[in-house]
């Protein structure tokens, strides 16, 4: 089998922006940039991992997620993050790397003066295509994925507050080549989660209320 190692890195900062002349509190409202990243993939032999897949828009919950395709298996969600953010000063860094025997990816969220990193790693058994270990960490601390792959992150806290939920996530995953694809998938998935989890829905409503 051909050996291939590919690493993709994306780092984007969302800052307050303006059009035309510089706005003042009395003459123009602040206009915020949107951050929407489509999916990038790193593939080695039959093991594939994603990066990207980020949606950050003013007065809406932030979403970031990763997908993994183990050898001989369907592509699935490795983790799904929902977080609040300061639309005038937020950043997301994401990186994915795959080698013949392992793959890893992460998202680092920076906002409200705080930072939080979620990382996923899968390792194959030596000389085989079966999974030996699979792990998710939050800021270096292990998370039991059997308790759910949905993480609700309150970035206003120091350190950021995290709640874990065991919810049904989509199992039929199409390619998310364009930003619009990622945004639509994120919105559809989050809508279904909000129907199932009142705590997630209340968290999202609080963010949406900031724009009213």
Protein backbone atom coordinates (compact mmCIF):
# COMPACT_ATOMS: atom_id res chain seq x y z
CA UNK A 1 0.00 0.00 0.00
CA UNK A 2 1.17 3.48 -0.77
CA UNK A 3 2.33 5.46 2.24
CA UNK A 4 1.06 9.01 2.42
CA UNK A 5 1.29 11.58 5.15
CA UNK A 6 -0.61 14.83 4.82
CA UNK A 7 -1.06 17.56 7.37
CA UNK A 8 -3.44 20.48 7.00
CA UNK A 9 -3.39 23.52 9.26
CA UNK A 10 -5.94 26.29 9.40
CA UNK A 11 -5.80 29.22 11.81
CA UNK A 12 -8.30 32.01 11.54
CA UNK A 13 -9.07 34.95 13.80
CA UNK A 14 -12.40 36.73 13.72
CA UNK A 15 -12.12 40.45 14.37
CA UNK A 16 -14.47 43.39 14.33
CA UNK A 17 -14.55 44.97 10.91
CA UNK A 18 -16.08 47.95 9.15
CA UNK A 19 -16.95 49.10 5.68
CA UNK A 20 -16.34 52.60 4.37
CA UNK A 21 -15.06 55.02 6.98
CA UNK A 22 -14.22 54.10 10.54
CA UNK A 23 -17.48 53.76 12.52
CA UNK A 24 -18.17 55.67 15.71
CA UNK A 25 -20.67 54.71 18.42
CA UNK A 26 -23.08 57.36 17.15
CA UNK A 27 -22.69 56.98 13.37
CA UNK A 28 -22.40 53.28 12.59
CA UNK A 29 -22.85 49.92 14.27
CA UNK A 30 -19.96 47.49 14.49
CA UNK A 31 -20.08 44.91 11.71
CA UNK A 32 -18.69 41.51 12.55
CA UNK A 33 -16.98 39.11 10.21
CA UNK A 34 -18.27 35.58 9.86
CA UNK A 35 -15.99 32.58 10.12
CA UNK A 36 -17.15 29.56 8.12
CA UNK A 37 -14.63 26.85 7.25
CA UNK A 38 -15.41 23.91 5.02
CA UNK A 39 -13.89 20.49 5.62
CA UNK A 40 -10.29 19.58 4.89
CA UNK A 41 -9.10 15.98 5.04
CA UNK A 42 -5.82 14.24 5.77
CA UNK A 43 -5.68 10.66 4.45
CA UNK A 44 -3.07 7.91 4.76
CA UNK A 45 -3.93 4.60 3.13
CA UNK A 46 -7.45 3.86 4.41
CA UNK A 47 -7.39 6.13 7.49
CA UNK A 48 -8.82 9.63 7.08
CA UNK A 49 -9.26 12.52 9.52
CA UNK A 50 -10.77 15.97 9.02
CA UNK A 51 -10.04 19.52 10.06
CA UNK A 52 -11.95 22.71 9.38
CA UNK A 53 -15.73 22.40 9.80
CA UNK A 54 -16.21 25.62 11.78
CA UNK A 55 -19.16 28.03 11.84
CA UNK A 56 -18.93 31.23 13.91
CA UNK A 57 -21.53 33.94 13.30
CA UNK A 58 -22.60 36.88 15.44
CA UNK A 59 -25.44 36.15 17.88
CA UNK A 60 -25.47 32.47 17.00
CA UNK A 61 -23.93 29.48 18.77
CA UNK A 62 -20.47 28.61 17.48
CA UNK A 63 -20.05 25.12 16.06
CA UNK A 64 -16.92 23.10 15.31
CA UNK A 65 -16.66 19.39 14.62
CA UNK A 66 -14.34 16.69 13.33
CA UNK A 67 -14.97 13.54 11.32
CA UNK A 68 -12.98 10.31 11.09
CA UNK A 69 -13.05 7.42 8.64
CA UNK A 70 -11.38 4.29 10.05
CA UNK A 71 -10.30 1.59 7.59
CA UNK A 72 -13.27 -0.35 6.30
CA UNK A 73 -15.78 1.79 8.19
CA UNK A 74 -18.13 4.64 7.36
CA UNK A 75 -17.19 8.24 8.06
CA UNK A 76 -18.50 9.41 11.42
CA UNK A 77 -18.34 12.36 13.79
CA UNK A 78 -15.37 12.25 16.15
CA UNK A 79 -16.72 15.14 18.26
CA UNK A 80 -19.20 17.99 17.93
CA UNK A 81 -18.62 21.28 19.79
CA UNK A 82 -21.14 24.02 20.59
CA UNK A 83 -19.78 27.18 22.20
CA UNK A 84 -20.45 30.84 22.92
CA UNK A 85 -18.12 33.52 21.61
CA UNK A 86 -17.36 37.22 21.49
CA UNK A 87 -18.16 38.15 17.86
CA UNK A 88 -15.70 41.05 18.00
CA UNK A 89 -12.75 38.94 19.10
CA UNK A 90 -12.78 35.20 18.47
CA UNK A 91 -10.35 32.76 16.90
CA UNK A 92 -10.31 29.11 15.91
CA UNK A 93 -7.31 26.99 14.99
CA UNK A 94 -7.76 23.52 13.54
CA UNK A 95 -5.29 20.92 12.36
CA UNK A 96 -5.53 17.34 11.14
CA UNK A 97 -2.78 14.79 10.54
CA UNK A 98 -2.89 11.17 9.35
CA UNK A 99 -0.11 8.59 9.07
CA UNK A 100 -0.35 4.92 8.23
CA UNK A 101 -0.94 3.87 11.85
CA UNK A 102 -2.66 6.84 13.49
CA UNK A 103 -4.57 10.07 12.95
CA UNK A 104 -5.32 13.10 15.06
CA UNK A 105 -7.16 16.39 14.80
CA UNK A 106 -7.98 19.30 17.08
CA UNK A 107 -9.87 22.58 17.40
CA UNK A 108 -8.60 25.39 19.61
CA UNK A 109 -11.18 28.08 20.42
CA UNK A 110 -9.98 31.48 21.65
CA UNK A 111 -12.50 34.07 22.84
CA UNK A 112 -13.44 36.14 25.90
CA UNK A 113 -9.74 36.03 26.81
CA UNK A 114 -9.86 32.25 27.31
CA UNK A 115 -8.74 29.26 25.29
CA UNK A 116 -9.99 25.69 25.01
CA UNK A 117 -8.59 22.81 22.92
CA UNK A 118 -10.40 19.61 22.03
CA UNK A 119 -8.28 16.87 20.46
CA UNK A 120 -9.19 13.50 18.95
CA UNK A 121 -6.72 10.69 18.24
CA UNK A 122 -7.13 7.19 16.83
CA UNK A 123 -4.38 4.54 16.74
CA UNK A 124 -4.51 1.32 14.72
CA UNK A 125 -3.16 -2.02 15.89
CA UNK A 126 0.28 -2.65 14.49
CA UNK A 127 0.16 -4.23 11.05
CA UNK A 128 -3.64 -4.23 10.94
CA UNK A 129 -6.52 -1.92 10.03
CA UNK A 130 -8.41 -2.42 13.31
CA UNK A 131 -8.58 0.27 16.00
CA UNK A 132 -6.38 -0.16 19.06
CA UNK A 133 -7.18 3.07 20.90
CA UNK A 134 -9.45 6.06 20.36
CA UNK A 135 -9.36 9.12 22.61
CA UNK A 136 -10.77 12.61 23.10
CA UNK A 137 -9.09 15.15 25.35
CA UNK A 138 -10.15 18.59 26.52
CA UNK A 139 -7.24 20.84 27.45
CA UNK A 140 -5.13 17.73 27.97
CA UNK A 141 -7.67 15.94 30.17
CA UNK A 142 -9.19 12.67 28.92
CA UNK A 143 -12.91 12.55 28.12
CA UNK A 144 -14.87 9.31 28.13
CA UNK A 145 -16.37 9.23 24.63
CA UNK A 146 -18.84 6.52 25.71
CA UNK A 147 -20.61 9.29 27.64
CA UNK A 148 -21.14 11.31 24.46
CA UNK A 149 -19.31 13.16 21.72
CA UNK A 150 -21.25 16.40 22.07
CA UNK A 151 -19.45 19.02 24.16
CA UNK A 152 -21.11 22.28 25.23
CA UNK A 153 -18.38 24.82 26.03
CA UNK A 154 -19.04 28.03 27.96
CA UNK A 155 -16.07 30.18 26.97
CA UNK A 156 -17.01 33.00 29.36
CA UNK A 157 -15.78 30.97 32.33
CA UNK A 158 -12.14 30.69 33.41
CA UNK A 159 -11.42 27.91 32.80
CA UNK A 160 -14.17 27.35 30.23
CA UNK A 161 -17.09 25.31 31.53
CA UNK A 162 -17.84 22.05 29.70
CA UNK A 163 -20.93 19.83 29.64
CA UNK A 164 -20.97 16.46 27.88
CA UNK A 165 -24.05 14.96 26.24
CA UNK A 166 -24.75 11.53 24.81
CA UNK A 167 -27.00 12.33 21.86
CA UNK A 168 -27.60 10.77 18.48
CA UNK A 169 -25.35 12.41 15.90
CA UNK A 170 -25.71 12.01 12.12
CA UNK A 171 -24.39 8.75 10.73
CA UNK A 172 -24.87 9.57 7.05
CA UNK A 173 -22.17 12.12 6.31
CA UNK A 174 -21.77 13.60 2.87
CA UNK A 175 -18.70 15.51 1.76
CA UNK A 176 -18.58 19.09 3.02
CA UNK A 177 -16.45 20.66 0.33
CA UNK A 178 -17.95 24.15 0.45
CA UNK A 179 -18.52 26.54 3.37
CA UNK A 180 -22.26 26.51 2.64
CA UNK A 181 -22.25 22.71 3.02
CA UNK A 182 -20.60 22.95 6.42
CA UNK A 183 -22.94 25.70 7.57
CA UNK A 184 -26.06 23.80 6.51
CA UNK A 185 -24.90 20.55 8.09
CA UNK A 186 -23.98 22.35 11.32
CA UNK A 187 -27.34 24.10 11.50
CA UNK A 188 -29.35 20.97 10.78
CA UNK A 189 -27.41 18.92 13.33
CA UNK A 190 -27.65 21.60 16.01
CA UNK A 191 -31.40 21.98 15.45
CA UNK A 192 -31.91 18.27 16.07
CA UNK A 193 -29.71 18.39 19.17
CA UNK A 194 -31.69 21.33 20.56
CA UNK A 195 -34.91 19.35 20.21
CA UNK A 196 -33.38 16.50 22.23
CA UNK A 197 -31.53 18.47 24.94
CA UNK A 198 -33.20 21.32 26.82
CA UNK A 199 -29.90 22.47 28.34
CA UNK A 200 -28.32 22.87 24.91
CA UNK A 201 -31.39 24.71 23.64
CA UNK A 202 -31.35 27.14 26.60
CA UNK A 203 -27.62 27.76 26.06
CA UNK A 204 -28.26 28.56 22.39
CA UNK A 205 -31.25 30.77 23.17
CA UNK A 206 -29.12 32.88 25.53
CA UNK A 207 -26.62 33.48 22.72
CA UNK A 208 -29.33 34.33 20.20
CA UNK A 209 -30.94 36.77 22.65
CA UNK A 210 -27.83 38.95 22.55
CA UNK A 211 -28.78 40.11 19.07
CA UNK A 212 -32.34 41.12 19.96
